[in-house]
C-alpha cells in the first residue's frame, strides 16, 4: 500500500511539474522541405511574421546552398529563396544569421567557400549585393546592424594557416558600412 501511495504521489508531482509541457499548444507546426536535407540556423520574429535562414544540399552536386524565407504569423510562406555560392553551384554557401535591415530588406551572414559572407537583399530576398569578407577560413555566425546603418559580423577564424600542426579557432569580428 505504501509503495502504491508513493508511486501515486510521484506521478501526480511529475505531471504537475510538467503540466505546461504536457498541455501547451502550438500556434502552428509546418514542415518546409525544398529539395532534401535542409537545416535552419536562424529564426527571428519580424513585425509581419518570421524570418528563417540556413542551408540545404543542392540536388545537382550536393554542395550546401543558402536558404532564406519569410512567413506570416501563421506560417504561410511570403517568400523563400535558395542562394548558390556561384553561378554553377560549385562553391558551397551557408547562411548562419539573418536580420531585417533599417531599409526594409535583409542582411545575412555565413560562409561562401572558405570565406565569410555578408549579403544584402531587398524585401523579397533578391540579392542587392554580396561580399566575401575577412580572410580564408573566416566565417560569419552572427550579425547586427548598428544605429548608423553599418553591419557588424562576428564569427570564427581558423588558425591552421598560422600553425599547420595545430587546429584551433579564434573569434572573428568585422564591421562593414551599409552600402
Foldseek 3Di string as FASTA:
>chain_A
DVVVVVVVVVVVVVCVVCVCVVPPDDLEDDDDDDDPDWDWQEWDADPFDIKIKWWFADPPPGAIWIKIFGAGNSRHTPAIDTHALDPVNPWHDIWQYKDQFPVGWMWTWWDTRQFIKIWTDHNRRHTPDMDTDDDGNWGFHDWDADPQGKIKTKTKGWCCVVPVVDTDIDIDIDIGHND
